[in-house]
Amino acid sequence: MGFPEMNCCPPCGCDHPQRHVHELIGSVRIAEEECDPHNHRFATVSGEAIPCGCDHVHEVCFHTDFYEDHYHEFKGRTGGAIDVGCGKHVHFVEAMTECEDGHRHRFKVASLIEDPIGE
């Protein structure tokens, strides 16, 4: 199985300064509990902030790690910003991966804070 071409965050050709991004790391929930229980891990960086009313969201896409010759893909968006104090925020995603090898995985993940060493 080869990796399909991913074009999650193509260059937009915009002149705007780069907007902030977030790291996301996590594991998907166990699938195929009765016949082949397993999960997968993922790590990615979101797309730039997308204004959404008075808030913003981020596009997220990733491939999980492999388990017995398969992996899963996810493409979606975070929820809005969740304030964590000191002018910083995180985002939450609750979703499912794409179907591969006859199954999907649910996952819940909170992003890391944006620009952790910045002011």
PDB file of N, CA and C in Angstrom:
ATOM      1  N   MET A   1       0.851  -1.170   0.000  1.00  0.00           N
ATOM      2  CA  MET A   1       0.000   0.000   0.000  1.00  0.00           C
ATOM      3  C   MET A   1       0.894   1.228   0.000  1.00  0.00           C
ATOM      4  N   GLY A   2       0.724   2.102  -0.955  1.00  0.00           N
ATOM      5  CA  GLY A   2       1.500   3.333  -0.993  1.00  0.00           C
ATOM      6  C   GLY A   2       0.708   4.490  -0.416  1.00  0.00           C
ATOM      7  N   PHE A   3       1.403   5.557  -0.108  1.00  0.00           N
ATOM      8  CA  PHE A   3       0.716   6.742   0.401  1.00  0.00           C
ATOM      9  C   PHE A   3       0.033   7.457  -0.747  1.00  0.00           C
ATOM     10  N   PRO A   4      -1.252   7.799  -0.596  1.00  0.00           N
ATOM     11  CA  PRO A   4      -1.890   8.618  -1.629  1.00  0.00           C
ATOM     12  C   PRO A   4      -1.349  10.036  -1.528  1.00  0.00           C
ATOM     13  N   GLU A   5      -1.481  10.762  -2.621  1.00  0.00           N
ATOM     14  CA  GLU A   5      -1.044  12.160  -2.568  1.00  0.00           C
ATOM     15  C   GLU A   5      -1.951  12.945  -1.672  1.00  0.00           C
ATOM     16  N   MET A   6      -1.365  13.654  -0.723  1.00  0.00           N
ATOM     17  CA  MET A   6      -2.154  14.510   0.165  1.00  0.00           C
ATOM     18  C   MET A   6      -1.873  15.941  -0.219  1.00  0.00           C
ATOM     19  N   ASN A   7      -2.899  16.685  -0.329  1.00  0.00           N
ATOM     20  CA  ASN A   7      -2.765  18.091  -0.650  1.00  0.00           C
ATOM     21  C   ASN A   7      -3.636  18.868   0.320  1.00  0.00           C
ATOM     22  N   CYS A   8      -3.461  18.584   1.619  1.00  0.00           N
ATOM     23  CA  CYS A   8      -4.324  19.173   2.639  1.00  0.00           C
ATOM     24  C   CYS A   8      -4.187  20.684   2.716  1.00  0.00           C
ATOM     25  N   CYS A   9      -3.009  21.168   2.604  1.00  0.00           N
ATOM     26  CA  CYS A   9      -2.771  22.597   2.812  1.00  0.00           C
ATOM     27  C   CYS A   9      -2.007  23.176   1.636  1.00  0.00           C
ATOM     28  N   PRO A  10      -2.657  23.244   0.465  1.00  0.00           N
ATOM     29  CA  PRO A  10      -1.941  23.779  -0.688  1.00  0.00           C
ATOM     30  C   PRO A  10      -1.665  25.261  -0.504  1.00  0.00           C
ATOM     31  N   PRO A  11      -0.605  25.759  -1.147  1.00  0.00           N
ATOM     32  CA  PRO A  11      -0.322  27.186  -1.044  1.00  0.00           C
ATOM     33  C   PRO A  11      -1.534  27.977  -1.528  1.00  0.00           C
ATOM     34  N   CYS A  12      -1.891  29.008  -0.789  1.00  0.00           N
ATOM     35  CA  CYS A  12      -3.103  29.758  -1.146  1.00  0.00           C
ATOM     36  C   CYS A  12      -2.817  30.913  -2.087  1.00  0.00           C
ATOM     37  N   GLY A  13      -1.571  31.309  -2.248  1.00  0.00           N
ATOM     38  CA  GLY A  13      -1.246  32.440  -3.092  1.00  0.00           C
ATOM     39  C   GLY A  13      -1.632  33.771  -2.469  1.00  0.00           C
ATOM     40  N   CYS A  14      -1.931  33.758  -1.174  1.00  0.00           N
ATOM     41  CA  CYS A  14      -2.352  34.981  -0.479  1.00  0.00           C
ATOM     42  C   CYS A  14      -1.134  35.790  -0.057  1.00  0.00           C
ATOM     43  N   ASP A  15      -1.371  37.069   0.156  1.00  0.00           N
ATOM     44  CA  ASP A  15      -0.306  37.948   0.621  1.00  0.00           C
ATOM     45  C   ASP A  15      -0.341  38.155   2.128  1.00  0.00           C
ATOM     46  N   HIS A  16      -1.248  37.488   2.838  1.00  0.00           N
ATOM     47  CA  HIS A  16      -1.365  37.706   4.278  1.00  0.00           C
ATOM     48  C   HIS A  16      -0.176  37.106   5.023  1.00  0.00           C
ATOM     49  N   PRO A  17       0.173  37.681   6.163  1.00  0.00           N
ATOM     50  CA  PRO A  17       1.229  37.059   6.971  1.00  0.00           C
ATOM     51  C   PRO A  17       0.735  35.708   7.495  1.00  0.00           C
ATOM     52  N   GLN A  18       1.647  34.806   7.741  1.00  0.00           N
ATOM     53  CA  GLN A  18       1.247  33.482   8.219  1.00  0.00           C
ATOM     54  C   GLN A  18       0.466  33.605   9.518  1.00  0.00           C
ATOM     55  N   ARG A  19      -0.622  32.860   9.610  1.00  0.00           N
ATOM     56  CA  ARG A  19      -1.407  32.789  10.830  1.00  0.00           C
ATOM     57  C   ARG A  19      -0.904  31.611  11.652  1.00  0.00           C
ATOM     58  N   HIS A  20      -1.223  31.599  12.922  1.00  0.00           N
ATOM     59  CA  HIS A  20      -0.688  30.563  13.809  1.00  0.00           C
ATOM     60  C   HIS A  20      -1.229  29.170  13.467  1.00  0.00           C
ATOM     61  N   VAL A  21      -0.500  28.164  13.918  1.00  0.00           N
ATOM     62  CA  VAL A  21      -0.864  26.757  13.743  1.00  0.00           C
ATOM     63  C   VAL A  21      -0.767  26.067  15.102  1.00  0.00           C
ATOM     64  N   HIS A  22      -1.219  24.819  15.187  1.00  0.00           N
ATOM     65  CA  HIS A  22      -1.156  24.035  16.419  1.00  0.00           C
ATOM     66  C   HIS A  22      -0.634  22.635  16.115  1.00  0.00           C
ATOM     67  N   GLU A  23       0.069  22.064  17.076  1.00  0.00           N
ATOM     68  CA  GLU A  23       0.469  20.663  16.996  1.00  0.00           C
ATOM     69  C   GLU A  23      -0.661  19.809  17.559  1.00  0.00           C
ATOM     70  N   LEU A  24      -0.828  18.612  16.990  1.00  0.00           N
ATOM     71  CA  LEU A  24      -1.778  17.633  17.513  1.00  0.00           C
ATOM     72  C   LEU A  24      -1.085  16.281  17.544  1.00  0.00           C
ATOM     73  N   ILE A  25      -1.157  15.609  18.671  1.00  0.00           N
ATOM     74  CA  ILE A  25      -0.615  14.254  18.801  1.00  0.00           C
ATOM     75  C   ILE A  25      -1.636  13.428  19.560  1.00  0.00           C
ATOM     76  N   GLY A  26      -1.757  12.162  19.200  1.00  0.00           N
ATOM     77  CA  GLY A  26      -2.713  11.335  19.915  1.00  0.00           C
ATOM     78  C   GLY A  26      -2.775   9.916  19.388  1.00  0.00           C
ATOM     79  N   SER A  27      -3.749   9.195  19.877  1.00  0.00           N
ATOM     80  CA  SER A  27      -4.032   7.827  19.469  1.00  0.00           C
ATOM     81  C   SER A  27      -5.511   7.703  19.178  1.00  0.00           C
ATOM     82  N   VAL A  28      -5.844   6.877  18.223  1.00  0.00           N
ATOM     83  CA  VAL A  28      -7.245   6.593  17.936  1.00  0.00           C
ATOM     84  C   VAL A  28      -7.708   5.474  18.865  1.00  0.00           C
ATOM     85  N   ARG A  29      -9.016   5.325  19.005  1.00  0.00           N
ATOM     86  CA  ARG A  29      -9.563   4.282  19.879  1.00  0.00           C
ATOM     87  C   ARG A  29      -9.398   2.908  19.242  1.00  0.00           C
ATOM     88  N   ILE A  30      -9.445   1.890  20.059  1.00  0.00           N
ATOM     89  CA  ILE A  30      -9.301   0.511  19.580  1.00  0.00           C
ATOM     90  C   ILE A  30     -10.487   0.145  18.698  1.00  0.00           C
ATOM     91  N   ALA A  31     -10.208  -0.499  17.573  1.00  0.00           N
ATOM     92  CA  ALA A  31     -11.238  -0.993  16.653  1.00  0.00           C
ATOM     93  C   ALA A  31     -11.088  -2.506  16.540  1.00  0.00           C
ATOM     94  N   GLU A  32     -12.064  -3.149  15.969  1.00  0.00           N
ATOM     95  CA  GLU A  32     -12.085  -4.608  15.760  1.00  0.00           C
ATOM     96  C   GLU A  32     -11.796  -5.350  17.059  1.00  0.00           C
ATOM     97  N   GLU A  33     -12.480  -4.947  18.122  1.00  0.00           N
ATOM     98  CA  GLU A  33     -12.204  -5.485  19.455  1.00  0.00           C
ATOM     99  C   GLU A  33     -12.330  -7.004  19.545  1.00  0.00           C
ATOM    100  N   GLU A  34     -13.201  -7.607  18.760  1.00  0.00           N
ATOM    101  CA  GLU A  34     -13.430  -9.055  18.888  1.00  0.00           C
ATOM    102  C   GLU A  34     -12.510  -9.900  18.019  1.00  0.00           C
ATOM    103  N   CYS A  35     -12.056  -9.361  16.877  1.00  0.00           N
ATOM    104  CA  CYS A  35     -11.264 -10.209  15.975  1.00  0.00           C
ATOM    105  C   CYS A  35      -9.805  -9.782  15.837  1.00  0.00           C
ATOM    106  N   ASP A  36      -9.525  -8.504  15.906  1.00  0.00           N
ATOM    107  CA  ASP A  36      -8.156  -8.015  15.725  1.00  0.00           C
ATOM    108  C   ASP A  36      -8.000  -6.667  16.414  1.00  0.00           C
ATOM    109  N   PRO A  37      -8.079  -6.635  17.743  1.00  0.00           N
ATOM    110  CA  PRO A  37      -8.049  -5.342  18.437  1.00  0.00           C
ATOM    111  C   PRO A  37      -6.730  -4.604  18.200  1.00  0.00           C
ATOM    112  N   HIS A  38      -6.870  -3.337  17.823  1.00  0.00           N
ATOM    113  CA  HIS A  38      -5.681  -2.520  17.596  1.00  0.00           C
ATOM    114  C   HIS A  38      -6.064  -1.054  17.562  1.00  0.00           C
ATOM    115  N   ASN A  39      -5.057  -0.203  17.704  1.00  0.00           N
ATOM    116  CA  ASN A  39      -5.244   1.230  17.508  1.00  0.00           C
ATOM    117  C   ASN A  39      -4.068   1.763  16.712  1.00  0.00           C
ATOM    118  N   HIS A  40      -4.039   3.057  16.511  1.00  0.00           N
ATOM    119  CA  HIS A  40      -2.979   3.724  15.757  1.00  0.00           C
ATOM    120  C   HIS A  40      -2.639   5.028  16.456  1.00  0.00           C
ATOM    121  N   ARG A  41      -1.459   5.551  16.155  1.00  0.00           N
ATOM    122  CA  ARG A  41      -1.028   6.848  16.677  1.00  0.00           C
ATOM    123  C   ARG A  41      -0.926   7.837  15.527  1.00  0.00           C
ATOM    124  N   PHE A  42      -0.964   9.134  15.874  1.00  0.00           N
ATOM    125  CA  PHE A  42      -0.788  10.168  14.856  1.00  0.00           C
ATOM    126  C   PHE A  42      -0.115  11.390  15.471  1.00  0.00           C
ATOM    127  N   ALA A  43       0.524  12.161  14.619  1.00  0.00           N
ATOM    128  CA  ALA A  43       1.138  13.438  14.994  1.00  0.00           C
ATOM    129  C   ALA A  43       1.099  14.325  13.757  1.00  0.00           C
ATOM    130  N   THR A  44       0.700  15.583  13.950  1.00  0.00           N
ATOM    131  CA  THR A  44       0.597  16.489  12.807  1.00  0.00           C
ATOM    132  C   THR A  44       0.631  17.939  13.282  1.00  0.00           C
ATOM    133  N   VAL A  45       0.679  18.839  12.343  1.00  0.00           N
ATOM    134  CA  VAL A  45       0.551  20.268  12.601  1.00  0.00           C
ATOM    135  C   VAL A  45      -0.645  20.743  11.788  1.00  0.00           C
ATOM    136  N   SER A  46      -1.515  21.518  12.415  1.00  0.00           N
ATOM    137  CA  SER A  46      -2.718  22.000  11.731  1.00  0.00           C
ATOM    138  C   SER A  46      -2.357  22.980  10.625  1.00  0.00           C
ATOM    139  N   GLY A  47      -3.348  23.290   9.817  1.00  0.00           N
ATOM    140  CA  GLY A  47      -3.218  24.385   8.873  1.00  0.00           C
ATOM    141  C   GLY A  47      -3.322  25.709   9.620  1.00  0.00           C
ATOM    142  N   GLU A  48      -3.099  26.791   8.915  1.00  0.00           N
ATOM    143  CA  GLU A  48      -3.175  28.121   9.518  1.00  0.00           C
ATOM    144  C   GLU A  48      -4.603  28.423   9.981  1.00  0.00           C
ATOM    145  N   ALA A  49      -4.712  29.349  10.924  1.00  0.00           N
ATOM    146  CA  ALA A  49      -6.013  29.754  11.449  1.00  0.00           C
ATOM    147  C   ALA A  49      -6.916  30.243  10.315  1.00  0.00           C
ATOM    148  N   ILE A  50      -8.173  29.805  10.365  1.00  0.00           N
ATOM    149  CA  ILE A  50      -9.188  30.214   9.388  1.00  0.00           C
ATOM    150  C   ILE A  50     -10.233  31.031  10.148  1.00  0.00           C
ATOM    151  N   PRO A  51     -10.340  32.332   9.872  1.00  0.00           N
ATOM    152  CA  PRO A  51     -11.335  33.135  10.580  1.00  0.00           C
ATOM    153  C   PRO A  51     -12.736  32.547  10.405  1.00  0.00           C
ATOM    154  N   CYS A  52     -13.513  32.573  11.484  1.00  0.00           N
ATOM    155  CA  CYS A  52     -14.861  32.005  11.479  1.00  0.00           C
ATOM    156  C   CYS A  52     -15.702  32.858  12.423  1.00  0.00           C
ATOM    157  N   GLY A  53     -16.335  33.888  11.904  1.00  0.00           N
ATOM    158  CA  GLY A  53     -17.062  34.829  12.750  1.00  0.00           C
ATOM    159  C   GLY A  53     -16.088  35.545  13.668  1.00  0.00           C
ATOM    160  N   CYS A  54     -16.380  35.545  14.970  1.00  0.00           N
ATOM    161  CA  CYS A  54     -15.481  36.162  15.957  1.00  0.00           C
ATOM    162  C   CYS A  54     -14.441  35.167  16.466  1.00  0.00           C
ATOM    163  N   ASP A  55     -14.362  34.003  15.889  1.00  0.00           N
ATOM    164  CA  ASP A  55     -13.477  32.937  16.343  1.00  0.00           C
ATOM    165  C   ASP A  55     -12.635  32.469  15.158  1.00  0.00           C
ATOM    166  N   HIS A  56     -12.046  31.298  15.274  1.00  0.00           N
ATOM    167  CA  HIS A  56     -11.310  30.696  14.168  1.00  0.00           C
ATOM    168  C   HIS A  56     -11.239  29.184  14.366  1.00  0.00           C
ATOM    169  N   VAL A  57     -10.951  28.477  13.284  1.00  0.00           N
ATOM    170  CA  VAL A  57     -10.757  27.027  13.296  1.00  0.00           C
ATOM    171  C   VAL A  57      -9.488  26.725  12.508  1.00  0.00           C
ATOM    172  N   HIS A  58      -9.110  25.442  12.460  1.00  0.00           N
ATOM    173  CA  HIS A  58      -7.942  25.013  11.693  1.00  0.00           C
ATOM    174  C   HIS A  58      -8.277  23.748  10.921  1.00  0.00           C
ATOM    175  N   GLU A  59      -7.746  23.625   9.706  1.00  0.00           N
ATOM    176  CA  GLU A  59      -7.842  22.362   8.986  1.00  0.00           C
ATOM    177  C   GLU A  59      -6.829  21.407   9.587  1.00  0.00           C
ATOM    178  N   VAL A  60      -7.214  20.139   9.657  1.00  0.00           N
ATOM    179  CA  VAL A  60      -6.339  19.099  10.197  1.00  0.00           C
ATOM    180  C   VAL A  60      -6.368  17.919   9.232  1.00  0.00           C
ATOM    181  N   CYS A  61      -5.200  17.401   8.908  1.00  0.00           N
ATOM    182  CA  CYS A  61      -5.147  16.168   8.122  1.00  0.00           C
ATOM    183  C   CYS A  61      -3.930  15.362   8.572  1.00  0.00           C
ATOM    184  N   PHE A  62      -4.111  14.053   8.587  1.00  0.00           N
ATOM    185  CA  PHE A  62      -2.995  13.190   8.979  1.00  0.00           C
ATOM    186  C   PHE A  62      -3.208  11.770   8.490  1.00  0.00           C
ATOM    187  N   HIS A  63      -2.120  11.031   8.460  1.00  0.00           N
ATOM    188  CA  HIS A  63      -2.129   9.579   8.313  1.00  0.00           C
ATOM    189  C   HIS A  63      -1.698   9.025   9.658  1.00  0.00           C
ATOM    190  N   THR A  64      -2.354   7.969  10.109  1.00  0.00           N
ATOM    191  CA  THR A  64      -1.908   7.297  11.325  1.00  0.00           C
ATOM    192  C   THR A  64      -0.672   6.464  11.018  1.00  0.00           C
ATOM    193  N   ASP A  65      -0.094   5.876  12.059  1.00  0.00           N
ATOM    194  CA  ASP A  65       0.973   4.908  11.830  1.00  0.00           C
ATOM    195  C   ASP A  65       0.358   3.618  11.271  1.00  0.00           C
ATOM    196  N   PHE A  66       1.215   2.684  10.850  1.00  0.00           N
ATOM    197  CA  PHE A  66       0.767   1.422  10.262  1.00  0.00           C
ATOM    198  C   PHE A  66       0.484   0.381  11.329  1.00  0.00           C
ATOM    199  N   TYR A  67      -0.460  -0.493  11.036  1.00  0.00           N
ATOM    200  CA  TYR A  67      -0.697  -1.708  11.817  1.00  0.00           C
ATOM    201  C   TYR A  67      -1.063  -2.779  10.810  1.00  0.00           C
ATOM    202  N   GLU A  68      -0.290  -3.841  10.740  1.00  0.00           N
ATOM    203  CA  GLU A  68      -0.525  -4.944   9.812  1.00  0.00           C
ATOM    204  C   GLU A  68      -0.928  -4.457   8.422  1.00  0.00           C
ATOM    205  N   ASP A  69      -0.067  -3.667   7.841  1.00  0.00           N
ATOM    206  CA  ASP A  69      -0.196  -3.218   6.448  1.00  0.00           C
ATOM    207  C   ASP A  69      -1.343  -2.260   6.165  1.00  0.00           C
ATOM    208  N   HIS A  70      -1.817  -1.550   7.163  1.00  0.00           N
ATOM    209  CA  HIS A  70      -2.788  -0.506   6.855  1.00  0.00           C
ATOM    210  C   HIS A  70      -2.608   0.680   7.787  1.00  0.00           C
ATOM    211  N   TYR A  71      -3.102   1.803   7.349  1.00  0.00           N
ATOM    212  CA  TYR A  71      -3.120   3.039   8.131  1.00  0.00           C
ATOM    213  C   TYR A  71      -4.451   3.708   7.850  1.00  0.00           C
ATOM    214  N   HIS A  72      -4.751   4.777   8.547  1.00  0.00           N
ATOM    215  CA  HIS A  72      -5.991   5.515   8.334  1.00  0.00           C
ATOM    216  C   HIS A  72      -5.664   6.982   8.081  1.00  0.00           C
ATOM    217  N   GLU A  73      -6.557   7.643   7.383  1.00  0.00           N
ATOM    218  CA  GLU A  73      -6.406   9.047   7.059  1.00  0.00           C
ATOM    219  C   GLU A  73      -7.550   9.824   7.715  1.00  0.00           C
ATOM    220  N   PHE A  74      -7.270  11.068   8.056  1.00  0.00           N
ATOM    221  CA  PHE A  74      -8.314  11.968   8.535  1.00  0.00           C
ATOM    222  C   PHE A  74      -8.125  13.320   7.892  1.00  0.00           C
ATOM    223  N   LYS A  75      -9.216  13.916   7.443  1.00  0.00           N
ATOM    224  CA  LYS A  75      -9.221  15.297   6.936  1.00  0.00           C
ATOM    225  C   LYS A  75     -10.456  15.957   7.523  1.00  0.00           C
ATOM    226  N   GLY A  76     -10.264  17.053   8.237  1.00  0.00           N
ATOM    227  CA  GLY A  76     -11.391  17.748   8.832  1.00  0.00           C
ATOM    228  C   GLY A  76     -10.951  19.062   9.437  1.00  0.00           C
ATOM    229  N   ARG A  77     -11.771  19.575  10.348  1.00  0.00           N
ATOM    230  CA  ARG A  77     -11.477  20.856  10.995  1.00  0.00           C
ATOM    231  C   ARG A  77     -11.631  20.732  12.495  1.00  0.00           C
ATOM    232  N   THR A  78     -10.913  21.603  13.196  1.00  0.00           N
ATOM    233  CA  THR A  78     -11.046  21.686  14.648  1.00  0.00           C
ATOM    234  C   THR A  78     -12.323  22.438  14.989  1.00  0.00           C
ATOM    235  N   GLY A  79     -12.670  22.416  16.256  1.00  0.00           N
ATOM    236  CA  GLY A  79     -13.682  23.324  16.770  1.00  0.00           C
ATOM    237  C   GLY A  79     -13.029  24.675  17.008  1.00  0.00           C
ATOM    238  N   GLY A  80     -13.789  25.604  17.559  1.00  0.00           N
ATOM    239  CA  GLY A  80     -13.285  26.940  17.843  1.00  0.00           C
ATOM    240  C   GLY A  80     -12.256  26.947  18.959  1.00  0.00           C
ATOM    241  N   ALA A  81     -11.674  28.100  19.194  1.00  0.00           N
ATOM    242  CA  ALA A  81     -10.631  28.268  20.207  1.00  0.00           C
ATOM    243  C   ALA A  81     -11.206  28.085  21.610  1.00  0.00           C
ATOM    244  N   ILE A  82     -10.440  27.417  22.468  1.00  0.00           N
ATOM    245  CA  ILE A  82     -10.789  27.222  23.877  1.00  0.00           C
ATOM    246  C   ILE A  82      -9.708  27.912  24.695  1.00  0.00           C
ATOM    247  N   ASP A  83     -10.081  28.963  25.399  1.00  0.00           N
ATOM    248  CA  ASP A  83      -9.128  29.759  26.171  1.00  0.00           C
ATOM    249  C   ASP A  83      -8.548  28.934  27.314  1.00  0.00           C
ATOM    250  N   VAL A  84      -7.222  28.966  27.453  1.00  0.00           N
ATOM    251  CA  VAL A  84      -6.565  28.263  28.564  1.00  0.00           C
ATOM    252  C   VAL A  84      -5.797  29.238  29.454  1.00  0.00           C
ATOM    253  N   GLY A  85      -6.058  30.531  29.308  1.00  0.00           N
ATOM    254  CA  GLY A  85      -5.406  31.541  30.143  1.00  0.00           C
ATOM    255  C   GLY A  85      -4.131  32.067  29.525  1.00  0.00           C
ATOM    256  N   CYS A  86      -3.653  33.170  30.091  1.00  0.00           N
ATOM    257  CA  CYS A  86      -2.408  33.809  29.640  1.00  0.00           C
ATOM    258  C   CYS A  86      -2.429  34.142  28.151  1.00  0.00           C
ATOM    259  N   GLY A  87      -3.609  34.388  27.597  1.00  0.00           N
ATOM    260  CA  GLY A  87      -3.713  34.740  26.184  1.00  0.00           C
ATOM    261  C   GLY A  87      -3.496  33.575  25.238  1.00  0.00           C
ATOM    262  N   LYS A  88      -3.528  32.363  25.732  1.00  0.00           N
ATOM    263  CA  LYS A  88      -3.293  31.164  24.904  1.00  0.00           C
ATOM    264  C   LYS A  88      -4.595  30.386  24.754  1.00  0.00           C
ATOM    265  N   HIS A  89      -4.641  29.501  23.753  1.00  0.00           N
ATOM    266  CA  HIS A  89      -5.832  28.687  23.527  1.00  0.00           C
ATOM    267  C   HIS A  89      -5.451  27.354  22.899  1.00  0.00           C
ATOM    268  N   VAL A  90      -6.411  26.430  22.918  1.00  0.00           N
ATOM    269  CA  VAL A  90      -6.293  25.134  22.263  1.00  0.00           C
ATOM    270  C   VAL A  90      -7.559  24.917  21.429  1.00  0.00           C
ATOM    271  N   HIS A  91      -7.593  23.834  20.690  1.00  0.00           N
ATOM    272  CA  HIS A  91      -8.764  23.444  19.897  1.00  0.00           C
ATOM    273  C   HIS A  91      -9.044  21.971  20.148  1.00  0.00           C
ATOM    274  N   PHE A  92     -10.296  21.554  19.955  1.00  0.00           N
ATOM    275  CA  PHE A  92     -10.721  20.178  20.188  1.00  0.00           C
ATOM    276  C   PHE A  92     -11.236  19.584  18.887  1.00  0.00           C
ATOM    277  N   VAL A  93     -10.954  18.292  18.686  1.00  0.00           N
ATOM    278  CA  VAL A  93     -11.477  17.559  17.535  1.00  0.00           C
ATOM    279  C   VAL A  93     -12.036  16.238  18.057  1.00  0.00           C
ATOM    280  N   GLU A  94     -13.256  15.917  17.697  1.00  0.00           N
ATOM    281  CA  GLU A  94     -13.862  14.607  17.977  1.00  0.00           C
ATOM    282  C   GLU A  94     -14.406  14.109  16.656  1.00  0.00           C
ATOM    283  N   ALA A  95     -13.853  13.008  16.142  1.00  0.00           N
ATOM    284  CA  ALA A  95     -14.203  12.573  14.788  1.00  0.00           C
ATOM    285  C   ALA A  95     -13.877  11.094  14.596  1.00  0.00           C
ATOM    286  N   MET A  96     -13.940  10.656  13.334  1.00  0.00           N
ATOM    287  CA  MET A  96     -13.571   9.293  12.953  1.00  0.00           C
ATOM    288  C   MET A  96     -12.616   9.358  11.771  1.00  0.00           C
ATOM    289  N   THR A  97     -11.739   8.371  11.689  1.00  0.00           N
ATOM    290  CA  THR A  97     -10.841   8.265  10.542  1.00  0.00           C
ATOM    291  C   THR A  97     -11.624   7.760   9.333  1.00  0.00           C
ATOM    292  N   GLU A  98     -10.991   7.811   8.175  1.00  0.00           N
ATOM    293  CA  GLU A  98     -11.550   7.187   6.987  1.00  0.00           C
ATOM    294  C   GLU A  98     -11.530   5.675   7.169  1.00  0.00           C
ATOM    295  N   CYS A  99     -12.363   4.981   6.409  1.00  0.00           N
ATOM    296  CA  CYS A  99     -12.420   3.519   6.477  1.00  0.00           C
ATOM    297  C   CYS A  99     -11.240   2.924   5.706  1.00  0.00           C
ATOM    298  N   GLU A 100     -10.567   1.988   6.319  1.00  0.00           N
ATOM    299  CA  GLU A 100      -9.471   1.258   5.691  1.00  0.00           C
ATOM    300  C   GLU A 100      -9.456  -0.130   6.310  1.00  0.00           C
ATOM    301  N   ASP A 101      -9.164  -1.145   5.529  1.00  0.00           N
ATOM    302  CA  ASP A 101      -9.126  -2.527   6.012  1.00  0.00           C
ATOM    303  C   ASP A 101     -10.468  -2.906   6.661  1.00  0.00           C
ATOM    304  N   GLY A 102     -11.556  -2.316   6.169  1.00  0.00           N
ATOM    305  CA  GLY A 102     -12.896  -2.672   6.629  1.00  0.00           C
ATOM    306  C   GLY A 102     -13.333  -2.061   7.950  1.00  0.00           C
ATOM    307  N   HIS A 103     -12.618  -1.053   8.433  1.00  0.00           N
ATOM    308  CA  HIS A 103     -13.026  -0.446   9.709  1.00  0.00           C
ATOM    309  C   HIS A 103     -12.542   0.996   9.798  1.00  0.00           C
ATOM    310  N   ARG A 104     -13.093   1.709  10.792  1.00  0.00           N
ATOM    311  CA  ARG A 104     -12.719   3.088  11.115  1.00  0.00           C
ATOM    312  C   ARG A 104     -12.349   3.139  12.585  1.00  0.00           C
ATOM    313  N   HIS A 105     -11.739   4.254  12.974  1.00  0.00           N
ATOM    314  CA  HIS A 105     -11.414   4.473  14.386  1.00  0.00           C
ATOM    315  C   HIS A 105     -11.971   5.827  14.818  1.00  0.00           C
ATOM    316  N   ARG A 106     -12.557   5.874  15.996  1.00  0.00           N
ATOM    317  CA  ARG A 106     -12.970   7.138  16.616  1.00  0.00           C
ATOM    318  C   ARG A 106     -11.760   7.725  17.332  1.00  0.00           C
ATOM    319  N   PHE A 107     -11.761   9.039  17.468  1.00  0.00           N
ATOM    320  CA  PHE A 107     -10.717   9.668  18.262  1.00  0.00           C
ATOM    321  C   PHE A 107     -11.208  10.997  18.802  1.00  0.00           C
ATOM    322  N   LYS A 108     -10.594  11.418  19.899  1.00  0.00           N
ATOM    323  CA  LYS A 108     -10.798  12.732  20.505  1.00  0.00           C
ATOM    324  C   LYS A 108      -9.415  13.272  20.800  1.00  0.00           C
ATOM    325  N   VAL A 109      -9.180  14.534  20.463  1.00  0.00           N
ATOM    326  CA  VAL A 109      -7.863  15.116  20.708  1.00  0.00           C
ATOM    327  C   VAL A 109      -7.991  16.620  20.923  1.00  0.00           C
ATOM    328  N   ALA A 110      -7.188  17.128  21.821  1.00  0.00           N
ATOM    329  CA  ALA A 110      -7.049  18.571  22.001  1.00  0.00           C
ATOM    330  C   ALA A 110      -5.687  18.958  21.439  1.00  0.00           C
ATOM    331  N   SER A 111      -5.636  20.068  20.736  1.00  0.00           N
ATOM    332  CA  SER A 111      -4.354  20.533  20.199  1.00  0.00           C
ATOM    333  C   SER A 111      -3.472  21.006  21.342  1.00  0.00           C
ATOM    334  N   LEU A 112      -2.203  21.166  21.059  1.00  0.00           N
ATOM    335  CA  LEU A 112      -1.312  21.842  21.983  1.00  0.00           C
ATOM    336  C   LEU A 112      -1.532  23.347  21.813  1.00  0.00           C
ATOM    337  N   ILE A 113      -1.046  24.145  22.736  1.00  0.00           N
ATOM    338  CA  ILE A 113      -1.243  25.588  22.628  1.00  0.00           C
ATOM    339  C   ILE A 113      -0.451  26.129  21.439  1.00  0.00           C
ATOM    340  N   GLU A 114      -0.912  27.240  20.907  1.00  0.00           N
ATOM    341  CA  GLU A 114      -0.207  27.867  19.789  1.00  0.00           C
ATOM    342  C   GLU A 114       1.035  28.569  20.288  1.00  0.00           C
ATOM    343  N   ASP A 115       2.079  28.574  19.508  1.00  0.00           N
ATOM    344  CA  ASP A 115       3.304  29.331  19.798  1.00  0.00           C
ATOM    345  C   ASP A 115       3.697  29.255  21.273  1.00  0.00           C
ATOM    346  N   PRO A 116       4.041  28.058  21.773  1.00  0.00           N
ATOM    347  CA  PRO A 116       4.242  27.871  23.217  1.00  0.00           C
ATOM    348  C   PRO A 116       5.351  28.716  23.844  1.00  0.00           C
ATOM    349  N   ILE A 117       6.360  29.143  23.089  1.00  0.00           N
ATOM    350  CA  ILE A 117       7.417  29.948  23.710  1.00  0.00           C
ATOM    351  C   ILE A 117       7.323  31.418  23.327  1.00  0.00           C
ATOM    352  N   GLY A 118       6.288  31.763  22.537  1.00  0.00           N
ATOM    353  CA  GLY A 118       6.099  33.156  22.150  1.00  0.00           C
ATOM    354  C   GLY A 118       5.374  33.939  23.224  1.00  0.00           C
ATOM    355  N   GLU A 119       5.352  35.226  23.050  1.00  0.00           N
ATOM    356  CA  GLU A 119       4.672  36.085  24.036  1.00  0.00           C
ATOM    357  C   GLU A 119       3.223  36.292  23.660  1.00  0.00           C
TER     358      GLU A 119
END
